[in-house]
Amino acid sequence: MKTACKLAILGAFLATLTGCTGSVYNKEKNCNYDYLLHPAVSVSKIIGGCGPVDK
């Protein structure tokens, strides 16, 4: 029973995270970066890997 409860909690957590993921393209549409929770928190965005992005 404990294992089933842990699996259910893990599944709910993963479902929440997958709802908060996505990709953002730059203005030229030749580079994109993926984010997990928010586009501003992406490592690629922070280091400027794709340059300015079009919102």
N, C-alpha and C. Protein backbone atom coordinates (compact mmCIF):
# COMPACT_ATOMS: atom_id res chain seq x y z
N MET A 1 0.82 -1.20 0.00
CA MET A 1 0.00 0.00 0.00
C MET A 1 0.86 1.26 0.00
N LYS A 2 1.96 1.22 0.77
CA LYS A 2 2.85 2.38 0.81
C LYS A 2 3.48 2.62 -0.56
N THR A 3 3.82 1.55 -1.25
CA THR A 3 4.43 1.68 -2.57
C THR A 3 3.45 2.30 -3.55
N ALA A 4 2.20 1.90 -3.50
CA ALA A 4 1.19 2.45 -4.40
C ALA A 4 0.98 3.93 -4.13
N CYS A 5 1.00 4.32 -2.87
CA CYS A 5 0.84 5.73 -2.50
C CYS A 5 2.02 6.55 -3.00
N LYS A 6 3.23 6.03 -2.86
CA LYS A 6 4.42 6.73 -3.33
C LYS A 6 4.40 6.87 -4.85
N LEU A 7 3.97 5.83 -5.54
CA LEU A 7 3.89 5.90 -7.00
C LEU A 7 2.84 6.92 -7.45
N ALA A 8 1.73 6.99 -6.74
CA ALA A 8 0.69 7.96 -7.08
C ALA A 8 1.19 9.39 -6.88
N ILE A 9 1.91 9.63 -5.80
CA ILE A 9 2.45 10.96 -5.53
C ILE A 9 3.49 11.32 -6.58
N LEU A 10 4.36 10.39 -6.92
CA LEU A 10 5.37 10.62 -7.94
C LEU A 10 4.73 10.91 -9.30
N GLY A 11 3.69 10.15 -9.63
CA GLY A 11 2.99 10.36 -10.90
C GLY A 11 2.33 11.74 -10.95
N ALA A 12 1.73 12.16 -9.85
CA ALA A 12 1.10 13.49 -9.81
C ALA A 12 2.15 14.59 -9.94
N PHE A 13 3.30 14.40 -9.31
CA PHE A 13 4.38 15.38 -9.40
C PHE A 13 4.90 15.49 -10.83
N LEU A 14 5.11 14.37 -11.48
CA LEU A 14 5.60 14.38 -12.86
C LEU A 14 4.57 14.98 -13.81
N ALA A 15 3.30 14.71 -13.58
CA ALA A 15 2.26 15.28 -14.43
C ALA A 15 2.22 16.80 -14.29
N THR A 16 2.46 17.30 -13.09
CA THR A 16 2.50 18.74 -12.87
C THR A 16 3.68 19.36 -13.60
N LEU A 17 4.83 18.72 -13.53
CA LEU A 17 6.02 19.27 -14.20
C LEU A 17 5.87 19.27 -15.71
N THR A 18 5.30 18.23 -16.27
CA THR A 18 5.18 18.18 -17.72
C THR A 18 4.20 19.23 -18.24
N GLY A 19 3.30 19.68 -17.40
CA GLY A 19 2.38 20.74 -17.79
C GLY A 19 3.06 22.10 -17.82
N CYS A 20 4.25 22.20 -17.25
CA CYS A 20 4.96 23.48 -17.15
C CYS A 20 6.20 23.52 -18.02
N THR A 21 6.30 22.66 -19.00
CA THR A 21 7.48 22.66 -19.86
C THR A 21 7.14 23.24 -21.22
N GLY A 22 8.16 23.58 -21.96
CA GLY A 22 7.92 24.12 -23.29
C GLY A 22 9.20 24.52 -23.97
N SER A 23 9.06 25.17 -25.10
CA SER A 23 10.20 25.65 -25.88
C SER A 23 9.93 27.08 -26.33
N VAL A 24 11.01 27.84 -26.47
CA VAL A 24 10.92 29.21 -26.95
C VAL A 24 11.94 29.37 -28.06
N TYR A 25 11.53 29.98 -29.17
CA TYR A 25 12.42 30.23 -30.31
C TYR A 25 12.90 31.67 -30.29
N ASN A 26 14.07 31.91 -30.88
CA ASN A 26 14.55 33.28 -31.00
C ASN A 26 13.86 33.96 -32.18
N LYS A 27 14.19 35.24 -32.41
CA LYS A 27 13.51 36.02 -33.45
C LYS A 27 13.72 35.45 -34.85
N GLU A 28 14.90 34.90 -35.12
CA GLU A 28 15.18 34.36 -36.45
C GLU A 28 14.64 32.94 -36.64
N LYS A 29 14.10 32.35 -35.61
CA LYS A 29 13.55 30.99 -35.63
C LYS A 29 14.58 29.94 -36.01
N ASN A 30 15.86 30.19 -35.70
CA ASN A 30 16.89 29.21 -36.02
C ASN A 30 17.50 28.59 -34.76
N CYS A 31 16.99 28.94 -33.60
CA CYS A 31 17.51 28.40 -32.34
C CYS A 31 16.37 28.40 -31.32
N ASN A 32 16.31 27.37 -30.53
CA ASN A 32 15.30 27.33 -29.48
C ASN A 32 15.92 26.78 -28.21
N TYR A 33 15.25 27.03 -27.10
CA TYR A 33 15.66 26.43 -25.85
C TYR A 33 14.44 25.92 -25.11
N ASP A 34 14.66 24.85 -24.37
CA ASP A 34 13.59 24.23 -23.60
C ASP A 34 13.66 24.72 -22.16
N TYR A 35 12.51 24.81 -21.53
CA TYR A 35 12.48 25.19 -20.13
C TYR A 35 11.60 24.21 -19.37
N LEU A 36 11.80 24.17 -18.06
CA LEU A 36 11.07 23.23 -17.22
C LEU A 36 9.88 23.89 -16.55
N LEU A 37 10.09 24.97 -15.84
CA LEU A 37 8.99 25.62 -15.12
C LEU A 37 8.63 26.98 -15.70
N HIS A 38 9.63 27.78 -16.09
CA HIS A 38 9.38 29.12 -16.61
C HIS A 38 10.50 29.47 -17.57
N PRO A 39 10.22 30.14 -18.67
CA PRO A 39 11.27 30.44 -19.66
C PRO A 39 12.44 31.24 -19.09
N ALA A 40 12.19 32.10 -18.12
CA ALA A 40 13.27 32.93 -17.57
C ALA A 40 14.24 32.12 -16.72
N VAL A 41 13.87 30.90 -16.33
CA VAL A 41 14.72 30.09 -15.47
C VAL A 41 15.60 29.14 -16.28
N SER A 42 15.44 29.11 -17.57
CA SER A 42 16.21 28.22 -18.42
C SER A 42 17.69 28.61 -18.43
N VAL A 43 18.57 27.63 -18.36
CA VAL A 43 20.01 27.89 -18.38
C VAL A 43 20.41 28.52 -19.70
N SER A 44 19.87 28.04 -20.82
CA SER A 44 20.18 28.61 -22.13
C SER A 44 19.79 30.08 -22.20
N LYS A 45 18.68 30.44 -21.62
CA LYS A 45 18.22 31.83 -21.61
C LYS A 45 19.15 32.68 -20.77
N ILE A 46 19.57 32.16 -19.61
CA ILE A 46 20.42 32.93 -18.71
C ILE A 46 21.77 33.23 -19.35
N ILE A 47 22.35 32.27 -20.05
CA ILE A 47 23.67 32.49 -20.66
C ILE A 47 23.56 33.14 -22.04
N GLY A 48 22.35 33.33 -22.54
CA GLY A 48 22.15 34.01 -23.82
C GLY A 48 22.52 33.15 -25.01
N GLY A 49 22.29 31.85 -24.93
CA GLY A 49 22.67 30.93 -25.99
C GLY A 49 22.00 31.19 -27.32
N CYS A 50 20.79 31.69 -27.33
CA CYS A 50 20.05 31.92 -28.57
C CYS A 50 19.86 33.40 -28.88
N GLY A 51 20.39 34.26 -28.09
CA GLY A 51 20.18 35.69 -28.31
C GLY A 51 18.80 36.12 -27.84
N PRO A 52 18.35 37.28 -28.27
CA PRO A 52 17.03 37.76 -27.84
C PRO A 52 15.91 36.90 -28.41
N VAL A 53 14.88 36.70 -27.62
CA VAL A 53 13.75 35.86 -28.06
C VAL A 53 12.54 36.72 -28.33
N ASP A 54 11.70 36.26 -29.23
CA ASP A 54 10.46 36.94 -29.58
C ASP A 54 9.35 36.38 -28.71
N LYS A 55 8.71 37.20 -27.91
CA LYS A 55 7.66 36.73 -27.00
C LYS A 55 6.36 36.58 -27.71
